[in-house]
Protein backbone atom coordinates (compact mmCIF):
# COMPACT_ATOMS: atom_id res chain seq x y z
CA MET A 1 178.76 219.20 -62.11
CA ASN A 2 181.14 220.11 -59.30
CA ALA A 3 181.81 216.51 -58.17
CA PRO A 4 183.57 215.41 -61.39
CA ARG A 5 185.68 218.56 -61.25
CA ARG A 6 186.65 217.81 -57.65
CA TRP A 7 187.59 214.24 -58.66
CA LEU A 8 189.66 215.50 -61.59
CA GLY A 9 191.36 217.99 -59.31
CA ALA A 10 192.14 215.26 -56.78
CA ILE A 11 193.52 212.94 -59.47
CA GLY A 12 195.66 215.78 -60.85
CA ALA A 13 197.01 216.48 -57.39
CA VAL A 14 197.92 212.81 -56.87
CA VAL A 15 199.69 212.65 -60.24
CA ALA A 16 201.62 215.81 -59.45
CA LEU A 17 202.59 214.43 -56.02
CA VAL A 18 203.78 211.11 -57.51
CA LEU A 19 205.83 212.97 -60.11
CA ALA A 20 207.34 215.25 -57.48
CA VAL A 21 208.28 212.26 -55.30
CA ALA A 22 209.86 210.51 -58.31
CA ILE A 23 211.88 213.61 -59.22
CA ALA A 24 213.03 214.03 -55.61
CA ALA A 25 214.07 210.36 -55.48
CA ALA A 26 216.02 210.70 -58.73
CA GLN A 27 217.76 213.84 -57.45
CA SER A 28 218.65 212.11 -54.21
CA GLN A 29 220.48 209.48 -56.30
CA GLY A 30 222.44 212.19 -58.11
CA ALA A 31 220.29 212.13 -61.25
CA GLU A 32 219.09 215.19 -63.10
CA PRO A 33 215.34 215.58 -63.63
CA PRO A 34 214.13 215.87 -67.25
CA ARG A 35 214.74 219.31 -68.68
CA ALA A 36 213.37 221.16 -71.69
CA ILE A 37 215.84 222.10 -74.41
CA ASP A 38 215.58 224.27 -77.51
CA ILE A 39 216.16 222.63 -80.87
CA ARG A 40 216.95 224.60 -84.03
CA ALA A 41 215.77 222.76 -87.13
CA VAL A 42 216.85 223.70 -90.66
CA PRO A 43 214.73 221.99 -93.36
CA ILE A 44 216.38 219.68 -95.88
CA THR A 45 214.30 219.89 -99.06
CA SER A 46 216.27 217.53 -101.34
CA PHE A 47 218.16 214.31 -100.72
CA ASP A 48 220.36 214.25 -103.84
CA ASN A 49 223.04 216.96 -103.65
CA ARG A 50 223.38 216.93 -107.45
CA ASP A 51 219.70 216.92 -108.47
CA ALA A 52 217.29 218.81 -106.21
CA THR A 53 214.29 217.69 -108.28
CA ARG A 54 214.84 213.97 -107.77
CA ARG A 55 212.44 212.44 -105.23
CA VAL A 56 212.57 208.64 -105.68
CA PHE A 57 215.58 206.61 -104.56
CA GLY A 58 215.31 202.87 -105.01
CA ALA A 59 212.15 201.77 -103.19
CA LEU A 60 211.86 205.02 -101.23
CA GLU A 61 210.47 208.48 -101.93
CA PHE A 62 212.14 211.35 -100.07
CA ARG A 63 209.63 213.41 -98.07
CA GLY A 64 211.95 215.83 -96.30
CA GLY A 65 214.38 216.22 -93.48
CA LEU A 66 215.86 218.45 -90.81
CA GLU A 67 219.33 219.37 -89.65
CA LEU A 68 219.11 219.66 -85.85
CA THR A 69 221.29 221.74 -83.55
CA SER A 70 221.06 222.92 -79.96
CA THR A 71 223.07 225.04 -77.57
CA ASP A 72 222.51 222.37 -74.91
CA LYS A 73 225.86 220.69 -74.21
CA ASP A 74 224.28 217.23 -73.91
CA PHE A 75 222.52 217.26 -77.26
CA GLY A 76 223.94 214.91 -79.89
CA GLY A 77 225.21 211.38 -80.26
CA LEU A 78 221.73 210.05 -81.11
CA SER A 79 222.06 206.33 -81.78
CA SER A 80 218.47 205.06 -81.87
CA LEU A 81 214.95 206.23 -82.64
CA ARG A 82 211.35 205.17 -82.09
CA VAL A 83 208.57 207.30 -83.62
CA ALA A 84 205.06 206.85 -82.19
CA ALA A 85 202.07 205.72 -84.24
CA ASP A 86 200.94 209.35 -84.57
CA GLY A 87 204.11 210.08 -86.57
CA GLU A 88 204.89 213.02 -84.32
CA HIS A 89 206.09 211.99 -80.87
CA PHE A 90 209.46 210.27 -80.72
CA ILE A 91 212.07 209.08 -78.28
CA SER A 92 215.78 208.46 -78.80
CA LEU A 93 218.84 207.50 -76.78
CA SER A 94 222.26 209.05 -77.11
CA ASP A 95 225.47 207.06 -76.87
CA LYS A 96 226.15 208.82 -73.57
CA GLY A 97 223.12 207.27 -71.89
CA ARG A 98 220.68 210.17 -72.26
CA TRP A 99 217.07 210.23 -73.38
CA PHE A 100 215.97 212.71 -76.02
CA ARG A 101 212.28 213.04 -76.81
CA GLY A 102 210.03 215.56 -78.53
CA ARG A 103 207.47 216.08 -81.26
CA ILE A 104 207.98 216.45 -85.01
CA VAL A 105 206.02 219.33 -86.55
CA TYR A 106 205.02 218.91 -90.21
CA ARG A 107 204.30 221.33 -93.03
CA ASP A 108 202.82 220.01 -96.27
CA GLY A 109 203.75 216.47 -95.27
CA ALA A 110 207.42 217.23 -94.61
CA PRO A 111 209.19 217.61 -91.24
CA ALA A 112 209.39 221.33 -90.41
CA GLY A 113 210.62 221.46 -86.80
CA ILE A 114 210.98 219.84 -83.39
CA VAL A 115 208.99 221.09 -80.39
CA ASP A 116 208.48 219.99 -76.77
CA ALA A 117 212.04 218.65 -76.70
CA GLU A 118 213.38 217.22 -73.45
CA MET A 119 216.52 215.43 -72.29
CA ALA A 120 217.24 213.34 -69.19
CA PRO A 121 219.77 210.74 -68.12
CA ALA A 122 218.61 207.15 -68.51
CA LEU A 123 218.41 205.70 -64.99
CA GLY A 124 219.60 202.37 -63.66
CA PRO A 125 217.80 200.08 -61.21
CA ASP A 126 219.08 202.11 -58.24
CA GLY A 127 217.77 205.42 -59.62
CA ALA A 128 221.26 206.71 -60.47
CA PRO A 129 222.21 207.38 -64.12
CA LEU A 130 223.19 204.33 -66.14
CA ALA A 131 226.33 206.18 -67.17
CA ALA A 132 227.44 206.42 -63.53
CA ARG A 133 227.96 202.64 -63.48
CA GLY A 134 229.67 202.60 -66.88
CA TRP A 135 226.54 201.55 -68.79
CA PHE A 136 226.64 204.59 -71.05
CA ASP A 137 227.02 203.29 -74.60
CA THR A 138 223.27 202.95 -75.24
CA GLU A 139 223.14 202.17 -78.96
CA SER A 140 219.78 200.48 -79.65
CA LEU A 141 216.16 200.83 -78.59
CA ALA A 142 213.13 198.54 -78.89
CA GLU A 143 209.52 199.40 -78.00
CA ASP A 144 206.73 197.11 -76.82
CA GLY A 145 203.70 199.17 -75.87
CA GLY A 146 204.77 201.20 -72.85
CA THR A 147 207.96 199.18 -72.35
CA LEU A 148 211.32 200.20 -73.79
CA TYR A 149 214.40 197.98 -74.11
CA ALA A 150 217.85 199.52 -74.52
CA GLY A 151 220.89 197.66 -75.81
CA ILE A 152 224.18 198.75 -74.24
CA GLU A 153 227.48 198.11 -75.99
CA ARG A 154 230.76 197.41 -74.16
CA VAL A 155 228.94 195.89 -71.18
CA GLU A 156 226.68 193.83 -73.51
CA LYS A 157 223.46 194.29 -71.56
CA ILE A 158 219.80 194.87 -72.35
CA VAL A 159 217.80 196.91 -69.84
CA ARG A 160 214.01 197.25 -69.66
CA PHE A 161 212.19 200.50 -68.79
CA ASN A 162 208.53 200.93 -67.79
CA TYR A 163 208.31 204.10 -69.85
CA GLY A 164 204.54 204.03 -70.08
CA ARG A 165 204.26 204.34 -66.30
CA ASP A 166 207.32 206.41 -65.33
CA GLY A 167 208.32 208.32 -68.46
CA LEU A 168 211.89 209.63 -68.46
CA LEU A 169 212.18 208.75 -64.77
CA ALA A 170 211.80 205.03 -65.50
CA ARG A 171 214.52 202.82 -64.02
CA GLY A 172 216.25 200.35 -66.29
CA GLU A 173 216.20 196.75 -65.07
CA PRO A 174 218.64 194.35 -66.78
CA ILE A 175 217.02 191.34 -68.42
CA PRO A 176 218.73 187.95 -68.77
CA VAL A 177 220.93 187.64 -71.88
CA PRO A 178 222.88 184.68 -73.26
CA PRO A 179 226.36 184.24 -71.77
CA ASP A 180 227.95 184.41 -75.23
CA PHE A 181 227.05 188.12 -75.37
CA LYS A 182 230.33 188.52 -73.48
CA THR A 183 232.21 187.30 -76.58
CA PHE A 184 231.02 190.18 -78.79
CA THR A 185 233.60 192.38 -80.50
CA PHE A 186 234.32 195.42 -78.32
CA ASN A 187 232.18 198.43 -79.30
CA LYS A 188 230.69 196.53 -82.27
CA SER A 189 227.69 194.76 -80.78
CA LEU A 190 224.11 195.73 -79.83
CA GLU A 191 223.21 198.24 -82.55
CA CYS A 192 219.93 196.62 -83.67
CA LEU A 193 217.16 195.77 -81.23
CA VAL A 194 213.48 195.46 -82.15
CA MET A 195 210.41 193.77 -80.67
CA VAL A 196 208.23 191.67 -82.99
CA PRO A 197 204.63 193.02 -82.78
CA LYS A 198 201.79 190.86 -81.46
CA SER A 199 200.17 190.46 -84.89
CA MET A 200 203.22 188.76 -86.46
CA PRO A 201 205.00 185.41 -86.32
CA ARG A 202 207.42 185.28 -83.36
CA ALA A 203 205.32 187.92 -81.56
CA GLY A 204 206.91 189.14 -78.36
CA THR A 205 210.42 188.17 -79.47
CA LEU A 206 213.32 190.61 -79.22
CA VAL A 207 215.45 190.53 -82.36
CA ALA A 208 219.07 191.59 -81.85
CA VAL A 209 221.59 191.96 -84.68
CA THR A 210 225.17 192.93 -83.92
CA GLU A 211 227.02 195.75 -85.62
CA ARG A 212 230.19 193.81 -86.43
CA SER A 213 230.47 190.89 -84.04
CA LEU A 214 231.01 188.25 -86.70
CA ASP A 215 230.91 184.47 -86.85
CA ALA A 216 233.66 182.34 -88.39
CA ALA A 217 232.20 182.96 -91.86
CA GLY A 218 232.29 186.74 -91.40
CA ASN A 219 228.54 187.30 -90.90
CA HIS A 220 226.67 189.27 -88.23
CA ARG A 221 225.87 187.24 -85.12
CA SER A 222 222.18 187.69 -84.29
CA TYR A 223 219.63 186.54 -81.69
CA LEU A 224 215.96 185.81 -81.06
CA LEU A 225 215.22 186.41 -77.36
CA LYS A 226 211.93 185.52 -75.66
CA GLY A 227 212.03 184.83 -71.94
CA LYS A 228 214.45 181.96 -71.38
CA ASN A 229 214.30 180.91 -75.03
CA VAL A 230 217.30 181.91 -77.17
CA GLY A 231 217.62 181.40 -80.90
CA ARG A 232 220.77 182.24 -82.83
CA PHE A 233 220.95 183.17 -86.50
CA THR A 234 223.28 185.21 -88.73
CA VAL A 235 222.84 188.06 -91.20
CA ARG A 236 225.04 188.01 -94.28
CA ARG A 237 227.63 190.81 -94.25
CA SER A 238 228.60 192.24 -97.62
CA ASP A 239 230.54 195.11 -99.16
CA GLU A 240 231.99 196.09 -95.73
CA PHE A 241 228.64 197.37 -94.43
CA ASP A 242 227.92 197.17 -90.69
CA VAL A 243 224.50 197.19 -88.97
CA SER A 244 223.49 200.40 -87.20
CA ASP A 245 219.75 199.91 -86.42
CA CYS A 246 216.60 198.01 -87.40
CA ALA A 247 212.81 198.23 -87.56
CA ILE A 248 209.90 196.00 -88.61
CA LEU A 249 207.48 196.81 -91.42
CA PRO A 250 203.72 196.13 -91.14
CA SER A 251 204.27 193.48 -93.85
CA ALA A 252 206.37 191.49 -91.34
CA ASP A 253 209.71 192.31 -92.91
CA LEU A 254 212.81 193.21 -90.93
CA LEU A 255 214.58 196.38 -92.07
CA LEU A 256 218.29 196.76 -91.36
CA LEU A 257 219.94 200.16 -91.50
CA GLU A 258 223.60 199.71 -92.40
CA ARG A 259 226.57 201.99 -92.79
CA ARG A 260 230.07 201.77 -94.21
CA PHE A 261 233.00 204.07 -93.55
CA SER A 262 236.62 203.97 -94.64
CA TYR A 263 239.09 206.65 -95.63
CA ALA A 264 239.47 204.95 -99.01
CA ARG A 265 235.74 204.61 -99.81
CA GLY A 266 234.18 207.34 -97.68
CA LEU A 267 230.78 207.13 -95.98
CA ALA A 268 227.76 205.25 -97.29
CA ILE A 269 224.48 203.88 -95.92
CA ARG A 270 221.97 201.34 -97.11
CA ILE A 271 218.67 199.80 -95.99
CA ILE A 272 218.07 196.06 -96.40
CA ARG A 273 214.66 194.32 -96.30
CA ILE A 274 214.55 190.74 -94.96
CA PRO A 275 211.36 188.63 -94.69
CA LEU A 276 210.76 188.02 -90.99
CA ALA A 277 209.59 184.51 -91.86
CA SER A 278 213.17 183.66 -92.87
CA VAL A 279 214.58 184.72 -89.51
CA ASN A 280 214.81 181.37 -87.77
CA PRO A 281 217.30 179.72 -85.41
CA GLY A 282 220.32 178.49 -87.35
CA ALA A 283 219.47 180.48 -90.50
CA LEU A 284 221.79 182.68 -92.53
CA VAL A 285 219.55 185.47 -93.84
CA ASP A 286 219.99 188.07 -96.52
CA GLY A 287 217.66 190.61 -98.05
CA LYS A 288 216.79 193.07 -100.78
CA GLU A 289 218.39 196.52 -100.93
CA LEU A 290 215.83 199.34 -100.61
CA LEU A 291 218.24 202.29 -100.53
CA LYS A 292 221.94 202.95 -100.94
CA ALA A 293 223.48 206.41 -100.62
CA ASP A 294 226.92 207.97 -100.26
CA LEU A 295 228.11 211.50 -99.57
CA GLY A 296 226.58 212.65 -102.83
CA TYR A 297 223.38 212.62 -100.80
CA GLN A 298 222.23 214.28 -97.57
CA ILE A 299 223.51 211.67 -95.16
CA ASP A 300 225.74 211.48 -92.11
CA ASN A 301 226.41 208.72 -89.59
CA MET A 302 222.86 207.34 -89.75
CA GLU A 303 222.23 205.22 -86.63
CA GLY A 304 218.49 205.34 -85.93
CA LEU A 305 215.57 203.90 -87.93
CA SER A 306 211.84 203.85 -87.17
CA VAL A 307 208.67 202.98 -89.10
CA HIS A 308 205.10 204.31 -88.82
CA ARG A 309 201.98 204.80 -90.97
CA ASN A 310 200.87 208.35 -91.66
CA ALA A 311 197.31 209.67 -91.96
CA GLN A 312 197.34 208.81 -95.69
CA ASP A 313 198.12 205.16 -94.82
CA GLU A 314 201.63 205.44 -96.25
CA ILE A 315 204.54 203.67 -94.59
CA ILE A 316 207.08 206.26 -93.47
CA LEU A 317 210.70 205.52 -92.58
CA THR A 318 212.42 208.01 -90.27
CA LEU A 319 216.22 208.02 -89.93
CA ILE A 320 218.40 209.94 -87.49
CA SER A 321 222.17 210.39 -87.36
CA ASP A 322 224.76 210.26 -84.59
CA ASP A 323 227.10 213.24 -84.82
CA ASN A 324 229.50 211.74 -82.25
CA PHE A 325 229.48 215.18 -80.58
CA SER A 326 231.80 216.31 -83.37
CA ALA A 327 231.75 219.72 -85.04
CA LEU A 328 232.55 217.93 -88.30
CA GLN A 329 229.33 215.90 -88.27
CA ARG A 330 225.61 216.67 -88.25
CA THR A 331 222.44 215.47 -86.56
CA LEU A 332 220.05 214.77 -89.43
CA LEU A 333 216.44 213.57 -89.34
CA LEU A 334 215.29 212.21 -92.72
CA GLN A 335 211.92 210.81 -93.83
CA PHE A 336 211.03 208.57 -96.75
CA ALA A 337 207.81 206.90 -97.92
CA LEU A 338 208.00 203.26 -98.97
CA VAL A 339 206.93 203.18 -102.62
CA GLY A 340 204.26 200.72 -103.68
CA GLU A 341 203.16 199.63 -100.19
């Protein structure tokens, strides 16, 4: 009985040593180690500001939400989201190149709080923060098992992290991207990035849809990236909506989260569903609207979208907003169930 305990103790000591060495290496490069932060979460019990009893909106049923705040100066600006298969653990990137991860706590099926929250700078290949080299505008996040891919606007790069092995201390290695990435519209590019799962057509392909880098016809320039293979397609732009994130449903449909803002029309969001089978090189794709909401609803600058199945086998969509570090905006986490799936 003592031998297994000794082995477990030895393994624990090795893991602790490796982690300590990694933290020391990150600090030597001027990076901060991950740190715990406190998150205050105020429940949002209704989505419609005019009718608190309404639960169904288009193809979605509102399950609940949270308004998140923190005294930590680095909290905010959350521009992407990936929720784990357990529906609890999540990771996000801010548009200042910082990781934010934690665990969603539920009560009666609705989000009730955030615990185990941590933040850390996303690191570059040299172990220094990505932001230190000007790669700070991290706007999109794809997940492939233990590997994360981050899309960075302004410099038009995609970096790969071995998150499964190194956690928040993972170093981002740039992957090859097409040279025409450099022709994207400034600050309007890599907002949607998602990896096609192994069980679906085009498995292992990164799908990238730009925010508002448009072709000659005024549609969103988009890409299929797999190794050295590059496919280009476009997503129809309509009603002045721009792309802010994406996810893939178990039914092999691509979801696009979109937002529109103007002083004349105000703020609005919508979610579009596009069959993944239609996403082919040279195609112009369009989809079906699942949700559309303006400021009559509990929305803000929604920039993150993730999909998971809950314990009841329902498909849950989780959205998060980017407050732009502004006192006039909010960080919201909202959850919906996809009706009829």
